[in-house]
Amino acid sequence: MWKGFSTPSPPSSVVLLSLTIVLSSLLPLAAAWRPWPQNNKMNATDYVFEDSKKFEGSSEFVKLRYHMGPVLTSRITAHTIWYGKWERSQKKIIRGFINSISATEVPRPSVAGWWRTVQQYTDQTGSNISRTVQLGEEKNDRFYSHGKSLTRLTIQSVIKSAITATTKPLPINPKSGLYLLLTADDVFVQDFCTSVCGFHYFTFPSLVGYTLPYAWVGNSAKLCPGQCAYPFAVPAFIPNRKPFKSPNGDVGVDGMISVIGHEIAELATNPLANTWYAGQDPTFPVEIADLCEGIYGTGGGGSYTGQVLDGGDGATYNMKGIRRRFLVQWVWSHVLNFCTGPNALDI
């Protein structure tokens, strides 16, 4: 259920390509995401879209189904692990995004408006995903307790250390909590930059002691901004294409925001890999954010972000938060049967 690169799509649809990577010969797979295709053969049609056609996903081929598992219907609490050295300003950007998910007073297009699409998903009792996402406890791991090169299993060990710490351990909240492990820009995680920018899964009781939904997202500023902070950085194989100006002045963190949104949306709708996804095999799921990779506005698809907003300072964004602006990819609506977001021009 690891997701890899999506190849540039023809202008008539959004084509998703999954890359599976085995954790080990005995362990299940986990979901992951990156916004840019690993492909140096770009086609000019990737940048050309007819005005008369929609490119926000194809309902004809998408069979998103409910598989009877749980969704996060109670107030969602995001517990954060800051792994490595983080600036105070960087933490404020990420906290601001999470706090904005429930900020319904923010004018349109808002992060809360984006979350309303996620809220449409229900469990077998008809209960919707919670409208409230709040910041929980935080844990700082400034001294790289597990080193600067992490495997996927090591990530679970970092989470275990955070919940079993002798001082200020993170609370254990398996029913409505989610755990965000955010790695600093000098930390390498297995397959980071080559296959993934972030992923989510759940911890193994045999390793951690509990089944806890979690996500990892890395800061790519030093290692691969063109791959994981697009469109605020552009891959070297794309000539003469200028990056967008990031809305909060930090390319790496602004790039992380969309990945964090992607993973939180999928954790809410598929926390234990048995709920909302497309495909027959739960080890190869296509989830609600996977279906909309790289789409940030109307007309988006392939390597084109779609129609987004240009701030007075030249920064690019598509939704507003609490005193901040963000660029966050859209998610799949099973009601509309296509990708959508609060800045859509046709809803």
Protein backbone atom coordinates (compact mmCIF):
# COMPACT_ATOMS: atom_id res chain seq x y z
CA MET A 1 0.00 0.00 0.00
CA TRP A 2 2.97 2.22 -0.50
CA LYS A 3 2.22 4.78 -3.17
CA GLY A 4 4.97 5.95 -5.43
CA PHE A 5 5.26 8.43 -8.26
CA SER A 6 2.41 9.28 -10.58
CA THR A 7 3.52 9.62 -14.16
CA PRO A 8 2.52 12.71 -16.19
CA SER A 9 -1.03 12.15 -17.32
CA PRO A 10 -2.57 12.70 -20.73
CA PRO A 11 -4.79 15.79 -20.75
CA SER A 12 -7.99 13.74 -20.71
CA SER A 13 -7.56 12.16 -17.30
CA VAL A 14 -5.49 11.80 -14.17
CA VAL A 15 -3.57 8.54 -14.21
CA LEU A 16 -2.19 7.18 -10.95
CA LEU A 17 0.70 4.75 -10.77
CA SER A 18 1.33 2.83 -7.55
CA LEU A 19 4.73 1.56 -6.54
CA THR A 20 4.76 -1.17 -3.92
CA ILE A 21 7.66 -1.49 -1.55
CA VAL A 22 7.89 -4.36 0.94
CA LEU A 23 8.61 -3.45 4.55
CA SER A 24 10.07 -6.89 5.09
CA SER A 25 9.22 -10.45 4.15
CA LEU A 26 6.82 -10.71 7.10
CA LEU A 27 5.36 -7.23 7.51
CA PRO A 28 2.44 -5.52 5.77
CA LEU A 29 2.79 -2.52 3.54
CA ALA A 30 2.08 1.14 4.28
CA ALA A 31 0.64 4.04 2.34
CA ALA A 32 2.81 6.87 1.07
CA TRP A 33 2.72 9.81 -1.26
CA ARG A 34 4.77 12.20 -3.32
CA PRO A 35 3.50 15.03 -5.54
CA TRP A 36 5.88 14.82 -8.50
CA PRO A 37 6.51 12.04 -11.08
CA GLN A 38 9.93 10.42 -11.30
CA ASN A 39 10.14 10.93 -15.02
CA ASN A 40 12.42 13.13 -17.07
CA LYS A 41 10.45 12.77 -20.30
CA MET A 42 7.96 15.57 -19.90
CA ASN A 43 5.43 16.11 -22.66
CA ALA A 44 4.32 19.57 -23.76
CA THR A 45 0.71 18.47 -23.40
CA ASP A 46 1.27 18.30 -19.64
CA TYR A 47 0.99 22.08 -19.60
CA VAL A 48 -1.82 22.52 -22.11
CA PHE A 49 -5.46 22.10 -21.13
CA GLU A 50 -8.56 22.94 -23.11
CA ASP A 51 -10.94 25.34 -21.40
CA SER A 52 -13.97 23.18 -22.13
CA LYS A 53 -12.89 20.03 -20.31
CA LYS A 54 -12.57 19.02 -16.66
CA PHE A 55 -9.42 17.30 -15.48
CA GLU A 56 -10.13 16.83 -11.79
CA GLY A 57 -10.15 13.04 -11.93
CA SER A 58 -12.26 10.56 -13.85
CA SER A 59 -15.37 9.11 -12.21
CA GLU A 60 -15.63 6.51 -14.98
CA PHE A 61 -12.68 4.48 -13.70
CA VAL A 62 -12.70 5.22 -9.97
CA LYS A 63 -14.37 2.62 -7.77
CA LEU A 64 -13.89 3.99 -4.29
CA ARG A 65 -15.59 1.67 -1.83
CA TYR A 66 -16.29 1.38 1.87
CA HIS A 67 -14.79 -1.79 3.37
CA MET A 68 -16.60 -1.71 6.73
CA GLY A 69 -13.69 -0.47 8.84
CA PRO A 70 -13.73 2.51 11.24
CA VAL A 71 -13.28 6.18 10.46
CA LEU A 72 -12.32 8.86 12.97
CA THR A 73 -15.72 10.10 14.10
CA SER A 74 -14.70 11.48 17.50
CA ARG A 75 -12.81 14.72 17.99
CA ILE A 76 -9.48 14.11 16.25
CA THR A 77 -6.34 14.96 18.21
CA ALA A 78 -3.02 15.25 16.37
CA HIS A 79 -0.01 14.50 18.56
CA THR A 80 3.21 15.76 17.01
CA ILE A 81 6.75 14.45 17.29
CA TRP A 82 9.34 17.01 16.13
CA TYR A 83 12.32 14.85 15.19
CA GLY A 84 15.57 16.76 14.83
CA LYS A 85 16.15 20.49 14.93
CA TRP A 86 13.17 22.71 14.13
CA GLU A 87 12.90 26.48 14.07
CA ARG A 88 10.11 28.05 16.09
CA SER A 89 8.81 29.73 12.92
CA GLN A 90 8.55 26.36 11.16
CA LYS A 91 6.54 24.85 13.97
CA LYS A 92 4.16 27.82 13.88
CA ILE A 93 3.39 27.23 10.20
CA ILE A 94 2.52 23.57 10.73
CA ARG A 95 0.55 24.23 13.91
CA GLY A 96 -1.30 27.00 12.08
CA PHE A 97 -2.38 24.58 9.36
CA ILE A 98 -3.65 21.94 11.81
CA ASN A 99 -5.50 24.57 13.84
CA SER A 100 -7.07 25.92 10.64
CA ILE A 101 -8.77 22.61 9.80
CA SER A 102 -11.58 23.38 12.28
CA ALA A 103 -11.53 27.18 11.89
CA THR A 104 -14.94 27.59 10.27
CA GLU A 105 -14.87 31.38 10.73
CA VAL A 106 -12.08 31.79 8.16
CA PRO A 107 -13.37 33.27 4.85
CA ARG A 108 -13.58 31.10 1.75
CA PRO A 109 -11.66 29.40 0.31
CA SER A 110 -10.59 27.97 3.64
CA VAL A 111 -8.80 24.95 5.06
CA ALA A 112 -12.03 24.17 6.94
CA GLY A 113 -13.84 24.18 3.58
CA TRP A 114 -11.30 21.65 2.29
CA TRP A 115 -11.95 19.45 5.34
CA ARG A 116 -15.69 19.43 4.68
CA THR A 117 -15.08 17.04 1.79
CA VAL A 118 -13.30 14.68 4.18
CA GLN A 119 -16.20 14.99 6.65
CA GLN A 120 -18.60 13.53 4.06
CA TYR A 121 -17.16 10.06 4.65
CA THR A 122 -18.97 7.84 7.16
CA ASP A 123 -18.68 4.51 8.92
CA GLN A 124 -21.24 1.68 8.79
CA THR A 125 -23.44 3.44 11.37
CA GLY A 126 -23.68 6.53 9.16
CA SER A 127 -21.52 8.61 11.51
CA ASN A 128 -19.45 11.23 9.73
CA ILE A 129 -15.79 11.96 10.27
CA SER A 130 -15.34 14.55 12.98
CA ARG A 131 -15.45 18.20 11.98
CA THR A 132 -12.91 18.95 14.72
CA VAL A 133 -9.19 18.39 14.38
CA GLN A 134 -7.13 19.78 17.24
CA LEU A 135 -3.49 19.92 18.23
CA GLY A 136 -2.60 17.51 21.00
CA GLU A 137 0.55 17.05 23.00
CA GLU A 138 3.94 17.53 21.37
CA LYS A 139 7.27 15.80 21.84
CA ASN A 140 10.64 17.21 20.84
CA ASP A 141 13.39 14.80 19.83
CA ARG A 142 16.14 17.37 19.24
CA PHE A 143 19.02 14.95 19.65
CA TYR A 144 18.00 12.44 16.95
CA SER A 145 17.44 9.57 19.41
CA HIS A 146 17.37 7.01 16.59
CA GLY A 147 19.94 8.67 14.33
CA LYS A 148 19.64 10.71 11.16
CA SER A 149 18.77 7.80 8.90
CA LEU A 150 15.49 6.05 9.69
CA THR A 151 13.85 2.94 8.31
CA ARG A 152 10.11 2.45 8.25
CA LEU A 153 10.32 0.21 11.28
CA THR A 154 12.57 2.68 13.10
CA ILE A 155 9.81 5.26 12.70
CA GLN A 156 7.55 3.07 14.82
CA SER A 157 10.33 2.85 17.40
CA VAL A 158 10.51 6.66 17.52
CA ILE A 159 6.77 6.75 18.24
CA LYS A 160 7.20 4.12 20.96
CA SER A 161 9.91 6.24 22.57
CA ALA A 162 7.59 9.25 22.54
CA ILE A 163 4.69 7.47 24.26
CA THR A 164 6.89 5.70 26.82
CA ALA A 165 9.20 8.59 27.69
CA THR A 166 9.93 9.03 31.39
CA THR A 167 9.21 12.76 31.14
CA LYS A 168 6.15 14.16 29.40
CA PRO A 169 5.22 11.10 27.33
CA LEU A 170 2.65 11.54 24.59
CA PRO A 171 -0.82 10.32 25.61
CA ILE A 172 -2.01 7.00 24.22
CA ASN A 173 -5.14 7.64 22.22
CA PRO A 174 -5.88 4.79 19.76
CA LYS A 175 -9.52 5.71 19.03
CA SER A 176 -9.39 9.38 18.06
CA GLY A 177 -5.72 10.27 18.13
CA LEU A 178 -3.24 10.36 15.29
CA TYR A 179 0.50 10.69 15.61
CA LEU A 180 2.52 12.92 13.28
CA LEU A 181 6.23 12.22 13.08
CA LEU A 182 7.85 15.19 11.34
CA THR A 183 11.52 14.87 10.46
CA ALA A 184 13.86 17.84 10.05
CA ASP A 185 15.62 18.69 6.79
CA ASP A 186 18.81 16.79 7.70
CA VAL A 187 17.05 13.48 8.37
CA PHE A 188 16.81 10.78 5.72
CA VAL A 189 14.00 8.25 5.86
CA GLN A 190 13.95 5.04 3.87
CA ASP A 191 12.85 5.78 0.27
CA PHE A 192 12.49 9.50 0.99
CA CYS A 193 12.95 11.55 -2.19
CA THR A 194 13.16 8.51 -4.45
CA SER A 195 9.70 7.06 -3.83
CA VAL A 196 7.94 8.94 -1.05
CA CYS A 197 7.52 12.30 0.69
CA GLY A 198 5.29 10.97 3.45
CA PHE A 199 3.21 7.95 4.41
CA HIS A 200 0.70 6.74 6.95
CA TYR A 201 -0.13 3.43 8.57
CA PHE A 202 -0.69 2.14 12.11
CA THR A 203 1.78 0.93 14.70
CA PHE A 204 2.23 -2.76 15.42
CA PRO A 205 1.30 -3.84 18.97
CA SER A 206 4.23 -6.26 18.96
CA LEU A 207 6.59 -3.35 18.39
CA VAL A 208 4.92 -0.36 20.05
CA GLY A 209 2.41 -1.97 22.41
CA TYR A 210 -0.63 -0.33 20.80
CA THR A 211 -2.33 0.07 17.43
CA LEU A 212 -2.01 3.81 16.77
CA PRO A 213 -2.73 5.55 13.45
CA TYR A 214 0.35 7.55 12.48
CA ALA A 215 1.93 9.47 9.63
CA TRP A 216 5.46 10.48 8.79
CA VAL A 217 6.27 13.55 6.69
CA GLY A 218 9.78 14.82 5.97
CA ASN A 219 11.18 18.28 5.31
CA SER A 220 12.74 18.03 1.86
CA ALA A 221 14.38 21.48 1.77
CA LYS A 222 17.95 20.13 1.69
CA LEU A 223 17.47 16.67 0.22
CA CYS A 224 14.93 16.97 -2.61
CA PRO A 225 12.80 20.14 -2.71
CA GLY A 226 12.10 19.69 -6.43
CA GLN A 227 10.52 16.32 -5.70
CA CYS A 228 8.67 16.91 -2.43
CA ALA A 229 8.17 20.69 -2.22
CA TYR A 230 6.77 21.17 -5.74
CA PRO A 231 5.55 23.66 -6.96
CA PHE A 232 7.65 25.83 -4.60
CA ALA A 233 10.70 24.11 -6.07
CA VAL A 234 11.00 22.53 -9.50
CA PRO A 235 12.83 19.32 -10.50
CA ALA A 236 16.06 19.87 -12.41
CA PHE A 237 14.76 17.92 -15.41
CA ILE A 238 12.12 20.58 -16.13
CA PRO A 239 13.81 23.45 -18.01
CA ASN A 240 12.63 27.07 -17.97
CA ARG A 241 9.93 26.56 -15.36
CA LYS A 242 9.97 28.92 -12.42
CA PRO A 243 8.83 27.73 -9.00
CA PHE A 244 5.90 29.39 -7.27
CA LYS A 245 6.56 31.66 -4.33
CA SER A 246 5.68 29.88 -1.09
CA PRO A 247 2.94 31.53 1.00
CA ASN A 248 4.77 31.33 4.34
CA GLY A 249 8.31 31.96 3.19
CA ASP A 250 9.66 28.46 3.85
CA VAL A 251 9.85 26.21 0.80
CA GLY A 252 10.46 23.00 2.74
CA VAL A 253 7.70 23.52 5.32
CA ASP A 254 5.18 24.95 2.82
CA GLY A 255 5.83 21.81 0.76
CA MET A 256 5.21 19.66 3.83
CA ILE A 257 1.81 21.24 4.46
CA SER A 258 0.15 19.58 1.48
CA VAL A 259 1.67 16.21 2.37
CA ILE A 260 0.47 16.59 5.97
CA GLY A 261 -3.02 17.42 4.69
CA HIS A 262 -2.90 14.42 2.38
CA GLU A 263 -1.96 12.05 5.19
CA ILE A 264 -4.42 13.45 7.77
CA ALA A 265 -7.26 13.10 5.26
CA GLU A 266 -6.34 9.48 4.61
CA LEU A 267 -5.81 8.69 8.29
CA ALA A 268 -9.32 10.00 9.01
CA THR A 269 -10.95 7.93 6.24
CA ASN A 270 -8.75 4.82 6.37
CA PRO A 271 -6.96 4.67 9.74
CA LEU A 272 -6.49 0.89 9.87
CA ALA A 273 -6.23 0.18 6.12
CA ASN A 274 -9.70 -1.41 6.00
CA THR A 275 -12.10 1.46 5.34
CA TRP A 276 -12.34 3.81 2.33
CA TYR A 277 -10.15 2.97 -0.64
CA ALA A 278 -10.25 1.89 -4.27
CA GLY A 279 -8.94 -1.45 -5.46
CA GLN A 280 -9.50 -5.03 -4.40
CA ASP A 281 -6.36 -5.56 -2.34
CA PRO A 282 -6.00 -3.67 0.96
CA THR A 283 -2.21 -3.85 0.61
CA PHE A 284 -2.53 -1.79 -2.60
CA PRO A 285 -5.19 0.79 -1.73
CA VAL A 286 -5.78 4.00 -3.62
CA GLU A 287 -7.11 6.42 -1.02
CA ILE A 288 -9.04 9.68 -1.18
CA ALA A 289 -5.96 11.88 -1.48
CA ASP A 290 -4.06 9.51 -3.80
CA LEU A 291 -6.82 10.02 -6.37
CA CYS A 292 -6.05 13.75 -6.49
CA GLU A 293 -2.26 13.87 -6.40
CA GLY A 294 -0.94 17.14 -7.79
CA ILE A 295 -4.38 18.75 -8.16
CA TYR A 296 -4.73 22.10 -6.39
CA GLY A 297 -7.40 23.83 -8.44
CA THR A 298 -9.90 23.59 -11.29
CA GLY A 299 -8.28 22.16 -14.42
CA GLY A 300 -5.52 20.42 -12.48
CA GLY A 301 -3.99 17.15 -13.59
CA GLY A 302 -0.67 15.68 -14.65
CA SER A 303 1.99 18.32 -14.00
CA TYR A 304 -0.47 21.24 -13.98
CA THR A 305 -1.58 22.44 -10.55
CA GLY A 306 -4.86 23.88 -11.78
CA GLN A 307 -6.17 27.38 -11.17
CA VAL A 308 -4.83 28.67 -7.87
CA LEU A 309 -4.63 32.08 -6.19
CA ASP A 310 -1.90 34.69 -6.42
CA GLY A 311 -1.49 36.81 -3.30
CA GLY A 312 -0.65 40.49 -3.41
CA ASP A 313 2.93 39.60 -2.49
CA GLY A 314 3.22 37.13 -5.37
CA ALA A 315 2.80 34.04 -3.20
CA THR A 316 0.74 31.13 -4.52
CA TYR A 317 -1.97 29.48 -2.43
CA ASN A 318 -5.42 27.91 -2.76
CA MET A 319 -6.89 28.21 0.73
CA LYS A 320 -6.82 30.42 3.76
CA GLY A 321 -6.12 29.47 7.35
CA ILE A 322 -5.88 31.39 10.60
CA ARG A 323 -3.78 34.41 9.64
CA ARG A 324 -1.97 32.28 7.04
CA ARG A 325 -2.37 30.95 3.51
CA PHE A 326 -1.63 27.43 2.31
CA LEU A 327 -1.39 25.39 -0.88
CA VAL A 328 -3.01 22.01 -0.23
CA GLN A 329 -3.93 19.33 -2.74
CA TRP A 330 -7.57 18.47 -3.26
CA VAL A 331 -9.25 15.25 -2.12
CA TRP A 332 -11.76 12.90 -3.71
CA SER A 333 -15.44 13.46 -3.02
CA HIS A 334 -17.47 10.25 -3.14
CA VAL A 335 -20.59 12.43 -3.32
CA LEU A 336 -19.52 14.41 -6.39
CA ASN A 337 -17.38 11.56 -7.72
CA PHE A 338 -14.41 13.74 -8.56
CA CYS A 339 -11.63 15.69 -6.87
CA THR A 340 -12.65 18.96 -5.29
CA GLY A 341 -11.50 21.73 -3.01
CA PRO A 342 -12.76 25.00 -1.52
CA ASN A 343 -11.33 27.03 -4.42
CA ALA A 344 -13.14 25.02 -7.12
CA LEU A 345 -14.68 27.28 -9.75
CA ASP A 346 -17.66 25.04 -10.48
CA ILE A 347 -19.20 24.24 -7.09
